[in-house]
Amino acid sequence: MIKVLFFASLKEALDCAQLQLDNPGSVAALKQQLAQQSADWQRWLLSESTLVAVNQTMANDATALNDGDEVAFFPPVTGG
């Protein structure tokens, strides 16, 4: 199992803060699995601007997932 977290406007748009899921094997596979929820999920999770971290380290689609991992999705952060 993995823990999936959603933050900021992404959490609001998907109306979901977290999920527990069977490990799909990679970030790319997780995105594809989650995108099947609805058009909104697809739009947000398959967007190149949505960021992902695995165990609090920035990750990409090729990142392998292990049981017990925490995957966080969040919108791009700007600051000044």
Protein backbone atom coordinates (compact mmCIF):
# COMPACT_ATOMS: atom_id res chain seq x y z
CA MET A 1 0.00 0.00 0.00
CA ILE A 2 1.01 3.60 -0.59
CA LYS A 3 -0.35 6.82 0.86
CA VAL A 4 -1.32 9.52 -1.64
CA LEU A 5 -1.69 13.13 -0.50
CA PHE A 6 -3.10 16.16 -2.33
CA PHE A 7 -2.25 19.75 -1.37
CA ALA A 8 -3.44 23.33 -1.91
CA SER A 9 -5.70 24.05 -4.89
CA LEU A 10 -5.31 20.46 -6.09
CA LYS A 11 -6.85 19.19 -2.85
CA GLU A 12 -9.73 21.64 -3.30
CA ALA A 13 -10.31 20.85 -6.98
CA LEU A 14 -10.36 17.08 -6.43
CA ASP A 15 -12.21 17.31 -3.10
CA CYS A 16 -9.74 14.80 -1.69
CA ALA A 17 -6.97 15.17 0.87
CA GLN A 18 -5.55 11.63 0.87
CA LEU A 19 -5.98 8.06 -0.31
CA GLN A 20 -4.52 4.65 0.54
CA LEU A 21 -3.94 2.55 -2.58
CA ASP A 22 -2.27 -0.65 -3.68
CA ASN A 23 1.17 0.11 -5.08
CA PRO A 24 0.88 0.51 -8.89
CA GLY A 25 4.68 0.37 -9.33
CA SER A 26 5.57 3.86 -10.57
CA VAL A 27 4.47 7.48 -10.44
CA ALA A 28 3.35 7.26 -14.08
CA ALA A 29 1.16 4.23 -13.35
CA LEU A 30 -0.27 5.97 -10.28
CA LYS A 31 -1.17 9.07 -12.32
CA GLN A 32 -2.89 6.93 -14.94
CA GLN A 33 -4.82 5.03 -12.27
CA LEU A 34 -5.97 8.21 -10.53
CA ALA A 35 -6.82 9.97 -13.79
CA GLN A 36 -9.54 7.37 -14.39
CA GLN A 37 -11.59 8.90 -11.52
CA SER A 38 -13.00 11.73 -13.65
CA ALA A 39 -12.14 14.42 -16.18
CA ASP A 40 -11.06 16.76 -13.36
CA TRP A 41 -8.67 14.18 -11.96
CA GLN A 42 -7.29 13.57 -15.45
CA ARG A 43 -6.81 17.29 -16.10
CA TRP A 44 -4.97 17.88 -12.82
CA LEU A 45 -2.91 14.72 -12.51
CA LEU A 46 -1.77 14.50 -16.11
CA SER A 47 -0.87 18.18 -16.28
CA GLU A 48 2.85 18.84 -16.72
CA SER A 49 2.59 21.66 -14.18
CA THR A 50 1.40 19.39 -11.33
CA LEU A 51 4.34 18.50 -9.10
CA VAL A 52 4.90 15.19 -7.35
CA ALA A 53 7.09 14.13 -4.45
CA VAL A 54 7.79 10.65 -3.11
CA ASN A 55 8.74 10.49 0.54
CA GLN A 56 9.20 14.29 0.51
CA THR A 57 11.68 14.22 -2.39
CA MET A 58 10.75 15.63 -5.77
CA ALA A 59 9.99 12.84 -8.25
CA ASN A 60 8.98 12.27 -11.85
CA ASP A 61 6.94 9.75 -13.83
CA ALA A 62 9.81 7.25 -13.92
CA THR A 63 10.14 7.13 -10.13
CA ALA A 64 9.51 3.63 -8.81
CA LEU A 65 7.15 3.23 -5.87
CA ASN A 66 7.57 0.85 -2.95
CA ASP A 67 5.02 -0.31 -0.41
CA GLY A 68 4.84 2.20 2.41
CA ASP A 69 5.79 5.19 0.23
CA GLU A 70 4.07 8.54 0.61
CA VAL A 71 3.28 10.27 -2.69
CA ALA A 72 2.26 13.93 -2.64
CA PHE A 73 0.74 15.89 -5.53
CA PHE A 74 0.67 19.68 -5.47
CA PRO A 75 0.31 22.61 -7.85
CA PRO A 76 3.34 24.67 -8.86
CA VAL A 77 4.55 26.94 -6.09
CA THR A 78 5.44 30.56 -6.73
CA GLY A 79 6.99 32.97 -4.36
CA GLY A 80 8.64 36.27 -4.13
